[in-house]
């Protein structure tokens, strides 16, 4: 279930327009029209992208009269960051081993 959740988030973020929308919403809530204007996209396109982001839990909508205000939900991104943290530890260990290896090579060259 957890992997499916991560897959849904990453799939939503994989499309460049949706990633751009996330970047815009990082600075604060926006209407569909404001997003469309800033990204120079048509409103129906933006609405479809926002629906995908909403289905993935990345944004939430607040209807005010006939306007829809979208804002970023940090929780899914925090879960994605936590999932990636386990991979960061692997990368760091590999970089530490590489660093140790390079230091040994340098010491060997200095001895010669």
Protein backbone atom coordinates (compact mmCIF):
# COMPACT_ATOMS: atom_id res chain seq x y z
CA UNK A 1 0.00 0.00 0.00
CA UNK A 2 2.84 2.37 0.90
CA UNK A 3 4.62 1.75 -2.41
CA UNK A 4 1.39 2.43 -4.31
CA UNK A 5 1.05 5.71 -2.41
CA UNK A 6 4.62 6.74 -3.32
CA UNK A 7 4.02 5.67 -6.91
CA UNK A 8 0.92 7.86 -7.12
CA UNK A 9 2.82 10.88 -5.79
CA UNK A 10 5.79 10.38 -8.09
CA UNK A 11 3.54 9.76 -11.08
CA UNK A 12 1.72 13.02 -10.39
CA UNK A 13 5.01 14.89 -10.11
CA UNK A 14 6.53 13.28 -13.21
CA UNK A 15 4.65 15.57 -15.60
CA UNK A 16 6.45 18.90 -15.99
CA UNK A 17 3.36 21.13 -15.86
CA UNK A 18 2.24 19.51 -12.62
CA UNK A 19 5.68 19.94 -11.13
CA UNK A 20 5.57 23.60 -12.16
CA UNK A 21 2.20 23.95 -10.45
CA UNK A 22 3.68 22.49 -7.26
CA UNK A 23 6.51 25.02 -7.51
CA UNK A 24 4.00 27.88 -7.87
CA UNK A 25 1.90 26.69 -4.94
CA UNK A 26 4.97 26.49 -2.75
CA UNK A 27 4.79 30.27 -2.54
CA UNK A 28 1.14 30.26 -1.49
CA UNK A 29 -2.43 29.44 -2.54
CA UNK A 30 -3.59 30.32 -6.06
CA UNK A 31 -6.74 30.12 -8.13
CA UNK A 32 -6.92 28.03 -11.29
CA UNK A 33 -6.85 31.26 -13.31
CA UNK A 34 -3.73 32.51 -11.56
CA UNK A 35 -1.93 29.22 -12.18
CA UNK A 36 -3.03 29.25 -15.82
CA UNK A 37 -1.81 32.81 -16.26
CA UNK A 38 1.57 32.22 -14.65
CA UNK A 39 2.23 29.03 -16.61
CA UNK A 40 0.65 30.35 -19.80
CA UNK A 41 -1.67 27.35 -20.05
CA UNK A 42 -5.37 27.16 -20.75
CA UNK A 43 -7.65 26.88 -17.74
CA UNK A 44 -9.05 23.44 -18.68
CA UNK A 45 -5.49 22.05 -18.87
CA UNK A 46 -4.65 23.49 -15.47
CA UNK A 47 -7.87 22.10 -13.99
CA UNK A 48 -6.97 18.60 -15.22
CA UNK A 49 -3.45 18.85 -13.78
CA UNK A 50 -4.83 20.11 -10.47
CA UNK A 51 -7.27 17.20 -10.35
CA UNK A 52 -4.36 14.73 -10.72
CA UNK A 53 -2.42 16.54 -8.01
CA UNK A 54 -5.50 16.54 -5.79
CA UNK A 55 -6.10 12.82 -6.37
CA UNK A 56 -2.50 12.20 -5.30
CA UNK A 57 -3.11 14.27 -2.16
CA UNK A 58 -0.53 16.89 -3.10
CA UNK A 59 -2.95 19.83 -3.21
CA UNK A 60 -6.24 20.69 -1.60
CA UNK A 61 -8.96 22.98 -2.85
CA UNK A 62 -10.98 25.53 -0.96
CA UNK A 63 -14.09 26.67 -2.81
CA UNK A 64 -14.91 30.32 -2.20
CA UNK A 65 -18.04 31.43 -4.06
CA UNK A 66 -17.39 30.49 -7.70
CA UNK A 67 -13.60 30.37 -7.29
CA UNK A 68 -11.42 27.45 -6.36
CA UNK A 69 -8.31 28.23 -4.32
CA UNK A 70 -5.61 25.56 -4.43
CA UNK A 71 -2.90 25.14 -1.86
CA UNK A 72 -0.05 22.74 -1.38
CA UNK A 73 -0.36 19.92 1.15
CA UNK A 74 3.04 19.31 2.75
CA UNK A 75 2.25 15.87 4.23
CA UNK A 76 2.70 13.82 1.02
CA UNK A 77 5.96 15.60 0.29
CA UNK A 78 7.14 14.92 3.83
CA UNK A 79 6.32 11.22 3.37
CA UNK A 80 8.21 11.22 0.06
CA UNK A 81 11.18 12.86 1.77
CA UNK A 82 11.10 10.25 4.56
CA UNK A 83 11.01 7.47 1.96
CA UNK A 84 13.98 8.99 0.15
CA UNK A 85 15.89 9.32 3.42
CA UNK A 86 16.57 5.59 3.48
CA UNK A 87 18.24 5.92 0.08
CA UNK A 88 20.25 8.94 1.20
CA UNK A 89 21.82 6.78 3.90
CA UNK A 90 22.87 4.24 1.27
CA UNK A 91 24.32 7.00 -0.93
CA UNK A 92 26.21 8.52 2.00
CA UNK A 93 27.70 5.16 2.94
CA UNK A 94 28.85 4.65 -0.65
CA UNK A 95 30.32 8.15 -0.80
CA UNK A 96 32.11 7.55 2.51
CA UNK A 97 33.62 4.33 1.13
CA UNK A 98 34.63 6.15 -2.05
CA UNK A 99 36.22 8.89 0.04
CA UNK A 100 38.14 6.29 2.06
CA UNK A 101 39.31 4.64 -1.16
CA UNK A 102 40.47 7.95 -2.64
CA UNK A 103 42.35 8.84 0.54
CA UNK A 104 44.14 5.46 0.41
CA UNK A 105 45.03 6.03 -3.24
CA UNK A 106 46.39 9.47 -2.42
CA UNK A 107 48.45 8.07 0.46
CA UNK A 108 49.80 5.37 -1.84
CA UNK A 109 50.80 7.96 -4.45
CA UNK A 110 52.45 10.10 -1.78
CA UNK A 111 54.54 7.11 -0.63
CA UNK A 112 55.85 6.48 -4.13
